[in-house]
Amino acid sequence: MARVLEMIFVTEEGKSATISVENPKEPVDANTVKLAMEQMIAGNTFVASSGDFVSIKGARLVERNVEDVELI
């Protein structure tokens, strides 16, 4: 099972931009994620094609199961 932390921001143009972190440190702490996101916005760390990150839209943990199908 692969886990991904998705941090979703609002850009200057009002669009969403997502930064994904594979295999985040467990357990994921909401306060730590929020603080990191605030620091990314304040430091202008990332810029999307729709502009700078201006606010936090949300964050989520996504799990994905992959099962190969054996073809005979």
Protein backbone atom coordinates (compact mmCIF):
# COMPACT_ATOMS: atom_id res chain seq x y z
CA MET A 1 0.00 0.00 0.00
CA ALA A 2 1.43 3.34 -1.04
CA ARG A 3 0.55 6.40 1.05
CA VAL A 4 0.85 9.92 -0.24
CA LEU A 5 0.36 13.18 1.64
CA GLU A 6 -1.25 15.74 -0.66
CA MET A 7 -0.98 19.38 0.40
CA ILE A 8 -3.43 21.53 -1.54
CA PHE A 9 -2.94 25.28 -1.90
CA VAL A 10 -4.87 28.15 -3.48
CA THR A 11 -2.86 30.20 -5.98
CA GLU A 12 -3.00 33.89 -6.90
CA GLU A 13 -5.45 33.09 -9.71
CA GLY A 14 -7.77 31.21 -7.33
CA LYS A 15 -6.83 27.80 -8.70
CA SER A 16 -5.67 24.75 -6.76
CA ALA A 17 -2.10 23.49 -6.73
CA THR A 18 -1.05 20.24 -5.06
CA ILE A 19 2.28 19.12 -3.66
CA SER A 20 2.53 15.37 -3.06
CA VAL A 21 4.88 13.73 -0.57
CA GLU A 22 5.32 9.97 -0.98
CA ASN A 23 5.66 7.83 2.14
CA PRO A 24 5.25 10.63 4.69
CA LYS A 25 6.59 10.13 8.21
CA GLU A 26 3.96 8.30 10.24
CA PRO A 27 1.91 9.19 12.10
CA VAL A 28 1.08 12.31 10.11
CA ASP A 29 0.47 15.22 12.48
CA ALA A 30 -2.08 17.79 11.27
CA ASN A 31 -0.42 20.68 13.12
CA THR A 32 2.97 19.87 11.61
CA VAL A 33 1.49 19.69 8.11
CA LYS A 34 -0.32 23.01 8.59
CA LEU A 35 2.85 24.69 9.88
CA ALA A 36 4.88 23.36 6.93
CA MET A 37 2.26 24.61 4.49
CA GLU A 38 2.21 28.05 6.12
CA GLN A 39 6.01 28.21 5.88
CA MET A 40 5.87 27.28 2.18
CA ILE A 41 3.43 30.14 1.56
CA ALA A 42 5.41 32.65 3.66
CA GLY A 43 8.72 31.69 2.06
CA ASN A 44 7.28 31.67 -1.44
CA THR A 45 8.92 28.26 -1.76
CA PHE A 46 6.90 27.01 -4.73
CA VAL A 47 5.19 28.73 -7.64
CA ALA A 48 2.55 27.12 -9.84
CA SER A 49 1.71 28.11 -13.41
CA SER A 50 -1.27 29.96 -11.93
CA GLY A 51 0.90 32.03 -9.59
CA ASP A 52 2.24 32.02 -6.05
CA PHE A 53 0.59 30.04 -3.28
CA VAL A 54 -1.59 32.40 -1.24
CA SER A 55 -3.55 30.17 1.15
CA ILE A 56 -4.14 26.63 2.35
CA LYS A 57 -7.04 24.76 0.79
CA GLY A 58 -6.50 21.45 2.60
CA ALA A 59 -4.44 18.33 3.01
CA ARG A 60 -5.21 14.64 2.70
CA LEU A 61 -3.64 11.22 2.95
CA VAL A 62 -4.22 9.04 -0.08
CA GLU A 63 -3.73 5.27 -0.04
CA ARG A 64 -3.42 3.23 -3.17
CA ASN A 65 -3.47 -0.53 -3.57
CA VAL A 66 -2.01 -2.06 -6.68
CA GLU A 67 -2.56 -5.68 -7.57
CA ASP A 68 -1.06 -7.19 -10.70
CA VAL A 69 -3.33 -9.39 -12.77
CA GLU A 70 -1.57 -12.44 -14.07
CA LEU A 71 -2.37 -12.85 -17.73
CA ILE A 72 -2.17 -16.40 -19.05
